[in-house]
């Protein structure tokens, strides 16, 4: 969540389920949706790559934001 906040995203109201949507007025795409992991709070590598792609970041950019959290 910290990286999303640094990017200017805020969580939108949830309609239930595991999907979480975030909105930003200064980023493209303006809305991104992610799913909370079930059970363990661990993301698989493929899921993390997909999320980084959705945010239109490189791995290096994501890691720079993550260092700020």
PDB file of N, CA and C in Angstrom:
ATOM      1  N   UNK A   1       0.822  -1.186   0.000  1.00  0.00           N
ATOM      2  CA  UNK A   1       0.000   0.000   0.000  1.00  0.00           C
ATOM      3  C   UNK A   1       0.871   1.256   0.000  1.00  0.00           C
ATOM      4  N   UNK A   2       2.006   1.202   0.661  1.00  0.00           N
ATOM      5  CA  UNK A   2       2.893   2.359   0.743  1.00  0.00           C
ATOM      6  C   UNK A   2       3.343   2.819  -0.643  1.00  0.00           C
ATOM      7  N   UNK A   3       3.710   1.872  -1.504  1.00  0.00           N
ATOM      8  CA  UNK A   3       4.150   2.231  -2.860  1.00  0.00           C
ATOM      9  C   UNK A   3       3.014   2.908  -3.614  1.00  0.00           C
ATOM     10  N   UNK A   4       1.814   2.375  -3.463  1.00  0.00           N
ATOM     11  CA  UNK A   4       0.663   2.983  -4.129  1.00  0.00           C
ATOM     12  C   UNK A   4       0.448   4.412  -3.651  1.00  0.00           C
ATOM     13  N   UNK A   5       0.582   4.654  -2.365  1.00  0.00           N
ATOM     14  CA  UNK A   5       0.423   6.004  -1.827  1.00  0.00           C
ATOM     15  C   UNK A   5       1.503   6.944  -2.364  1.00  0.00           C
ATOM     16  N   UNK A   6       2.731   6.456  -2.444  1.00  0.00           N
ATOM     17  CA  UNK A   6       3.816   7.274  -3.000  1.00  0.00           C
ATOM     18  C   UNK A   6       3.549   7.630  -4.463  1.00  0.00           C
ATOM     19  N   UNK A   7       2.874   6.735  -5.172  1.00  0.00           N
ATOM     20  CA  UNK A   7       2.532   6.984  -6.570  1.00  0.00           C
ATOM     21  C   UNK A   7       1.296   7.868  -6.722  1.00  0.00           C
ATOM     22  N   UNK A   8       0.636   8.177  -5.600  1.00  0.00           N
ATOM     23  CA  UNK A   8      -0.526   9.058  -5.655  1.00  0.00           C
ATOM     24  C   UNK A   8      -1.861   8.335  -5.731  1.00  0.00           C
ATOM     25  N   UNK A   9      -1.858   7.022  -5.496  1.00  0.00           N
ATOM     26  CA  UNK A   9      -3.096   6.259  -5.528  1.00  0.00           C
ATOM     27  C   UNK A   9      -3.752   6.242  -4.154  1.00  0.00           C
ATOM     28  N   UNK A  10      -5.075   6.281  -4.147  1.00  0.00           N
ATOM     29  CA  UNK A  10      -5.858   6.155  -2.920  1.00  0.00           C
ATOM     30  C   UNK A  10      -6.864   5.024  -3.122  1.00  0.00           C
ATOM     31  N   UNK A  11      -7.112   4.266  -2.059  1.00  0.00           N
ATOM     32  CA  UNK A  11      -8.035   3.146  -2.176  1.00  0.00           C
ATOM     33  C   UNK A  11      -9.462   3.638  -2.340  1.00  0.00           C
ATOM     34  N   UNK A  12     -10.156   3.022  -3.272  1.00  0.00           N
ATOM     35  CA  UNK A  12     -11.562   3.333  -3.516  1.00  0.00           C
ATOM     36  C   UNK A  12     -12.416   2.465  -2.597  1.00  0.00           C
ATOM     37  N   UNK A  13     -13.666   2.825  -2.451  1.00  0.00           N
ATOM     38  CA  UNK A  13     -14.572   2.062  -1.617  1.00  0.00           C
ATOM     39  C   UNK A  13     -14.723   0.652  -2.185  1.00  0.00           C
ATOM     40  N   UNK A  14     -14.632  -0.341  -1.316  1.00  0.00           N
ATOM     41  CA  UNK A  14     -14.704  -1.734  -1.726  1.00  0.00           C
ATOM     42  C   UNK A  14     -16.146  -2.192  -1.879  1.00  0.00           C
ATOM     43  N   UNK A  15     -16.357  -3.066  -2.851  1.00  0.00           N
ATOM     44  CA  UNK A  15     -17.683  -3.660  -3.054  1.00  0.00           C
ATOM     45  C   UNK A  15     -17.717  -5.074  -2.492  1.00  0.00           C
ATOM     46  N   UNK A  16     -16.743  -5.417  -1.690  1.00  0.00           N
ATOM     47  CA  UNK A  16     -16.668  -6.762  -1.131  1.00  0.00           C
ATOM     48  C   UNK A  16     -15.727  -7.629  -1.940  1.00  0.00           C
ATOM     49  N   UNK A  17     -15.436  -8.800  -1.439  1.00  0.00           N
ATOM     50  CA  UNK A  17     -14.523  -9.701  -2.130  1.00  0.00           C
ATOM     51  C   UNK A  17     -13.079  -9.321  -1.877  1.00  0.00           C
ATOM     52  N   UNK A  18     -12.179  -9.944  -2.614  1.00  0.00           N
ATOM     53  CA  UNK A  18     -10.754  -9.715  -2.390  1.00  0.00           C
ATOM     54  C   UNK A  18     -10.160  -8.652  -3.308  1.00  0.00           C
ATOM     55  N   UNK A  19     -10.926  -8.129  -4.254  1.00  0.00           N
ATOM     56  CA  UNK A  19     -10.418  -7.106  -5.172  1.00  0.00           C
ATOM     57  C   UNK A  19     -10.366  -5.749  -4.467  1.00  0.00           C
ATOM     58  N   UNK A  20      -9.270  -5.049  -4.661  1.00  0.00           N
ATOM     59  CA  UNK A  20      -9.096  -3.701  -4.121  1.00  0.00           C
ATOM     60  C   UNK A  20      -8.726  -2.779  -5.274  1.00  0.00           C
ATOM     61  N   UNK A  21      -9.479  -1.701  -5.444  1.00  0.00           N
ATOM     62  CA  UNK A  21      -9.217  -0.742  -6.517  1.00  0.00           C
ATOM     63  C   UNK A  21      -8.643   0.533  -5.937  1.00  0.00           C
ATOM     64  N   UNK A  22      -7.749   1.144  -6.701  1.00  0.00           N
ATOM     65  CA  UNK A  22      -7.072   2.369  -6.293  1.00  0.00           C
ATOM     66  C   UNK A  22      -7.178   3.378  -7.429  1.00  0.00           C
ATOM     67  N   UNK A  23      -7.350   4.647  -7.069  1.00  0.00           N
ATOM     68  CA  UNK A  23      -7.532   5.717  -8.051  1.00  0.00           C
ATOM     69  C   UNK A  23      -6.463   6.785  -7.859  1.00  0.00           C
ATOM     70  N   UNK A  24      -5.996   7.321  -8.971  1.00  0.00           N
ATOM     71  CA  UNK A  24      -5.040   8.428  -8.950  1.00  0.00           C
ATOM     72  C   UNK A  24      -5.426   9.448 -10.011  1.00  0.00           C
ATOM     73  N   UNK A  25      -5.350  10.707  -9.651  1.00  0.00           N
ATOM     74  CA  UNK A  25      -5.628  11.764 -10.625  1.00  0.00           C
ATOM     75  C   UNK A  25      -4.380  12.165 -11.397  1.00  0.00           C
ATOM     76  N   UNK A  26      -3.213  11.670 -10.977  1.00  0.00           N
ATOM     77  CA  UNK A  26      -1.966  12.092 -11.625  1.00  0.00           C
ATOM     78  C   UNK A  26      -1.200  10.964 -12.303  1.00  0.00           C
ATOM     79  N   UNK A  27      -1.736   9.731 -12.283  1.00  0.00           N
ATOM     80  CA  UNK A  27      -1.033   8.608 -12.883  1.00  0.00           C
ATOM     81  C   UNK A  27      -1.864   7.971 -13.981  1.00  0.00           C
ATOM     82  N   UNK A  28      -1.182   7.304 -14.860  1.00  0.00           N
ATOM     83  CA  UNK A  28      -1.825   6.510 -15.883  1.00  0.00           C
ATOM     84  C   UNK A  28      -1.357   5.079 -15.693  1.00  0.00           C
ATOM     85  N   UNK A  29      -2.220   4.147 -15.513  1.00  0.00           N
ATOM     86  CA  UNK A  29      -3.670   4.227 -15.568  1.00  0.00           C
ATOM     87  C   UNK A  29      -4.240   4.882 -14.310  1.00  0.00           C
ATOM     88  N   UNK A  30      -5.360   5.561 -14.447  1.00  0.00           N
ATOM     89  CA  UNK A  30      -5.938   6.250 -13.295  1.00  0.00           C
ATOM     90  C   UNK A  30      -6.550   5.296 -12.272  1.00  0.00           C
ATOM     91  N   UNK A  31      -6.933   4.091 -12.687  1.00  0.00           N
ATOM     92  CA  UNK A  31      -7.496   3.107 -11.756  1.00  0.00           C
ATOM     93  C   UNK A  31      -6.767   1.786 -11.954  1.00  0.00           C
ATOM     94  N   UNK A  32      -6.317   1.196 -10.851  1.00  0.00           N
ATOM     95  CA  UNK A  32      -5.708  -0.136 -10.875  1.00  0.00           C
ATOM     96  C   UNK A  32      -6.426  -1.001  -9.847  1.00  0.00           C
ATOM     97  N   UNK A  33      -6.530  -2.280 -10.158  1.00  0.00           N
ATOM     98  CA  UNK A  33      -7.192  -3.211  -9.258  1.00  0.00           C
ATOM     99  C   UNK A  33      -6.253  -4.370  -8.958  1.00  0.00           C
ATOM    100  N   UNK A  34      -6.173  -4.713  -7.678  1.00  0.00           N
ATOM    101  CA  UNK A  34      -5.342  -5.814  -7.215  1.00  0.00           C
ATOM    102  C   UNK A  34      -6.190  -6.730  -6.341  1.00  0.00           C
ATOM    103  N   UNK A  35      -5.756  -7.962  -6.193  1.00  0.00           N
ATOM    104  CA  UNK A  35      -6.437  -8.912  -5.321  1.00  0.00           C
ATOM    105  C   UNK A  35      -5.572  -9.174  -4.096  1.00  0.00           C
ATOM    106  N   UNK A  36      -6.216  -9.189  -2.927  1.00  0.00           N
ATOM    107  CA  UNK A  36      -5.497  -9.522  -1.702  1.00  0.00           C
ATOM    108  C   UNK A  36      -5.133 -10.997  -1.762  1.00  0.00           C
ATOM    109  N   UNK A  37      -3.915 -11.318  -1.280  1.00  0.00           N
ATOM    110  CA  UNK A  37      -3.559 -12.738  -1.246  1.00  0.00           C
ATOM    111  C   UNK A  37      -4.452 -13.489  -0.252  1.00  0.00           C
ATOM    112  N   UNK A  38      -4.794 -14.714  -0.570  1.00  0.00           N
ATOM    113  CA  UNK A  38      -5.611 -15.532   0.322  1.00  0.00           C
ATOM    114  C   UNK A  38      -4.690 -16.376   1.196  1.00  0.00           C
ATOM    115  N   UNK A  39      -5.007 -16.438   2.464  1.00  0.00           N
ATOM    116  CA  UNK A  39      -4.184 -17.232   3.374  1.00  0.00           C
ATOM    117  C   UNK A  39      -2.935 -16.477   3.760  1.00  0.00           C
ATOM    118  N   UNK A  40      -1.818 -16.872   3.205  1.00  0.00           N
ATOM    119  CA  UNK A  40      -0.542 -16.223   3.513  1.00  0.00           C
ATOM    120  C   UNK A  40      -0.492 -14.836   2.883  1.00  0.00           C
ATOM    121  N   UNK A  41       0.206 -13.936   3.528  1.00  0.00           N
ATOM    122  CA  UNK A  41       0.380 -12.580   2.985  1.00  0.00           C
ATOM    123  C   UNK A  41       1.626 -12.523   2.109  1.00  0.00           C
ATOM    124  N   UNK A  42       1.753 -13.489   1.218  1.00  0.00           N
ATOM    125  CA  UNK A  42       2.923 -13.587   0.354  1.00  0.00           C
ATOM    126  C   UNK A  42       2.458 -13.569  -1.097  1.00  0.00           C
ATOM    127  N   UNK A  43       3.085 -12.712  -1.896  1.00  0.00           N
ATOM    128  CA  UNK A  43       2.774 -12.670  -3.332  1.00  0.00           C
ATOM    129  C   UNK A  43       3.754 -13.559  -4.087  1.00  0.00           C
ATOM    130  N   UNK A  44       3.230 -14.271  -5.065  1.00  0.00           N
ATOM    131  CA  UNK A  44       4.113 -15.051  -5.931  1.00  0.00           C
ATOM    132  C   UNK A  44       4.853 -14.093  -6.868  1.00  0.00           C
ATOM    133  N   UNK A  45       5.996 -14.550  -7.389  1.00  0.00           N
ATOM    134  CA  UNK A  45       6.789 -13.714  -8.296  1.00  0.00           C
ATOM    135  C   UNK A  45       5.977 -13.256  -9.503  1.00  0.00           C
ATOM    136  N   UNK A  46       5.227 -14.157 -10.089  1.00  0.00           N
ATOM    137  CA  UNK A  46       4.432 -13.807 -11.270  1.00  0.00           C
ATOM    138  C   UNK A  46       3.378 -12.759 -10.963  1.00  0.00           C
ATOM    139  N   UNK A  47       2.776 -12.861  -9.779  1.00  0.00           N
ATOM    140  CA  UNK A  47       1.768 -11.881  -9.375  1.00  0.00           C
ATOM    141  C   UNK A  47       2.410 -10.525  -9.170  1.00  0.00           C
ATOM    142  N   UNK A  48       3.559 -10.500  -8.523  1.00  0.00           N
ATOM    143  CA  UNK A  48       4.266  -9.240  -8.305  1.00  0.00           C
ATOM    144  C   UNK A  48       4.666  -8.609  -9.636  1.00  0.00           C
ATOM    145  N   UNK A  49       5.157  -9.400 -10.569  1.00  0.00           N
ATOM    146  CA  UNK A  49       5.507  -8.871 -11.899  1.00  0.00           C
ATOM    147  C   UNK A  49       4.279  -8.270 -12.579  1.00  0.00           C
ATOM    148  N   UNK A  50       3.128  -8.951 -12.446  1.00  0.00           N
ATOM    149  CA  UNK A  50       1.893  -8.443 -13.047  1.00  0.00           C
ATOM    150  C   UNK A  50       1.510  -7.094 -12.416  1.00  0.00           C
ATOM    151  N   UNK A  51       1.628  -6.974 -11.109  1.00  0.00           N
ATOM    152  CA  UNK A  51       1.276  -5.728 -10.425  1.00  0.00           C
ATOM    153  C   UNK A  51       2.204  -4.595 -10.832  1.00  0.00           C
ATOM    154  N   UNK A  52       3.486  -4.877 -10.949  1.00  0.00           N
ATOM    155  CA  UNK A  52       4.450  -3.859 -11.386  1.00  0.00           C
ATOM    156  C   UNK A  52       4.128  -3.420 -12.811  1.00  0.00           C
ATOM    157  N   UNK A  53       3.746  -4.380 -13.661  1.00  0.00           N
ATOM    158  CA  UNK A  53       3.358  -4.055 -15.042  1.00  0.00           C
ATOM    159  C   UNK A  53       2.113  -3.186 -15.051  1.00  0.00           C
ATOM    160  N   UNK A  54       1.111  -3.510 -14.215  1.00  0.00           N
ATOM    161  CA  UNK A  54      -0.109  -2.709 -14.140  1.00  0.00           C
ATOM    162  C   UNK A  54       0.192  -1.265 -13.759  1.00  0.00           C
ATOM    163  N   UNK A  55       1.174  -1.074 -12.902  1.00  0.00           N
ATOM    164  CA  UNK A  55       1.544   0.275 -12.451  1.00  0.00           C
ATOM    165  C   UNK A  55       2.445   0.989 -13.463  1.00  0.00           C
ATOM    166  N   UNK A  56       2.792   0.304 -14.530  1.00  0.00           N
ATOM    167  CA  UNK A  56       3.660   0.840 -15.586  1.00  0.00           C
ATOM    168  C   UNK A  56       4.996   1.305 -15.022  1.00  0.00           C
ATOM    169  N   UNK A  57       5.588   0.452 -14.188  1.00  0.00           N
ATOM    170  CA  UNK A  57       6.888   0.719 -13.589  1.00  0.00           C
ATOM    171  C   UNK A  57       7.877  -0.343 -14.039  1.00  0.00           C
ATOM    172  N   UNK A  58       9.156  -0.002 -13.987  1.00  0.00           N
ATOM    173  CA  UNK A  58      10.180  -1.020 -14.161  1.00  0.00           C
ATOM    174  C   UNK A  58      10.440  -1.635 -12.790  1.00  0.00           C
ATOM    175  N   UNK A  59      11.089  -2.772 -12.776  1.00  0.00           N
ATOM    176  CA  UNK A  59      11.447  -3.415 -11.511  1.00  0.00           C
ATOM    177  C   UNK A  59      12.296  -2.473 -10.668  1.00  0.00           C
ATOM    178  N   UNK A  60      13.220  -1.765 -11.309  1.00  0.00           N
ATOM    179  CA  UNK A  60      14.100  -0.843 -10.603  1.00  0.00           C
ATOM    180  C   UNK A  60      13.316   0.320  -9.987  1.00  0.00           C
ATOM    181  N   UNK A  61      12.365   0.862 -10.739  1.00  0.00           N
ATOM    182  CA  UNK A  61      11.535   1.951 -10.211  1.00  0.00           C
ATOM    183  C   UNK A  61      10.726   1.478  -9.005  1.00  0.00           C
ATOM    184  N   UNK A  62      10.141   0.283  -9.121  1.00  0.00           N
ATOM    185  CA  UNK A  62       9.358  -0.265  -8.012  1.00  0.00           C
ATOM    186  C   UNK A  62      10.227  -0.413  -6.774  1.00  0.00           C
ATOM    187  N   UNK A  63      11.435  -0.933  -6.947  1.00  0.00           N
ATOM    188  CA  UNK A  63      12.332  -1.122  -5.803  1.00  0.00           C
ATOM    189  C   UNK A  63      12.737   0.211  -5.175  1.00  0.00           C
ATOM    190  N   UNK A  64      12.904   1.246  -5.986  1.00  0.00           N
ATOM    191  CA  UNK A  64      13.211   2.578  -5.445  1.00  0.00           C
ATOM    192  C   UNK A  64      12.060   3.083  -4.564  1.00  0.00           C
ATOM    193  N   UNK A  65      10.824   2.928  -5.034  1.00  0.00           N
ATOM    194  CA  UNK A  65       9.678   3.324  -4.219  1.00  0.00           C
ATOM    195  C   UNK A  65       9.585   2.460  -2.958  1.00  0.00           C
ATOM    196  N   UNK A  66       9.858   1.170  -3.100  1.00  0.00           N
ATOM    197  CA  UNK A  66       9.787   0.276  -1.960  1.00  0.00           C
ATOM    198  C   UNK A  66      10.814   0.652  -0.891  1.00  0.00           C
ATOM    199  N   UNK A  67      11.976   1.133  -1.309  1.00  0.00           N
ATOM    200  CA  UNK A  67      13.001   1.601  -0.355  1.00  0.00           C
ATOM    201  C   UNK A  67      12.510   2.790   0.475  1.00  0.00           C
ATOM    202  N   UNK A  68      11.586   3.550  -0.051  1.00  0.00           N
ATOM    203  CA  UNK A  68      11.058   4.733   0.660  1.00  0.00           C
ATOM    204  C   UNK A  68       9.995   4.354   1.681  1.00  0.00           C
ATOM    205  N   UNK A  69       9.526   3.125   1.638  1.00  0.00           N
ATOM    206  CA  UNK A  69       8.451   2.686   2.553  1.00  0.00           C
ATOM    207  C   UNK A  69       9.009   2.250   3.909  1.00  0.00           C
TER     208      UNK A  69
END
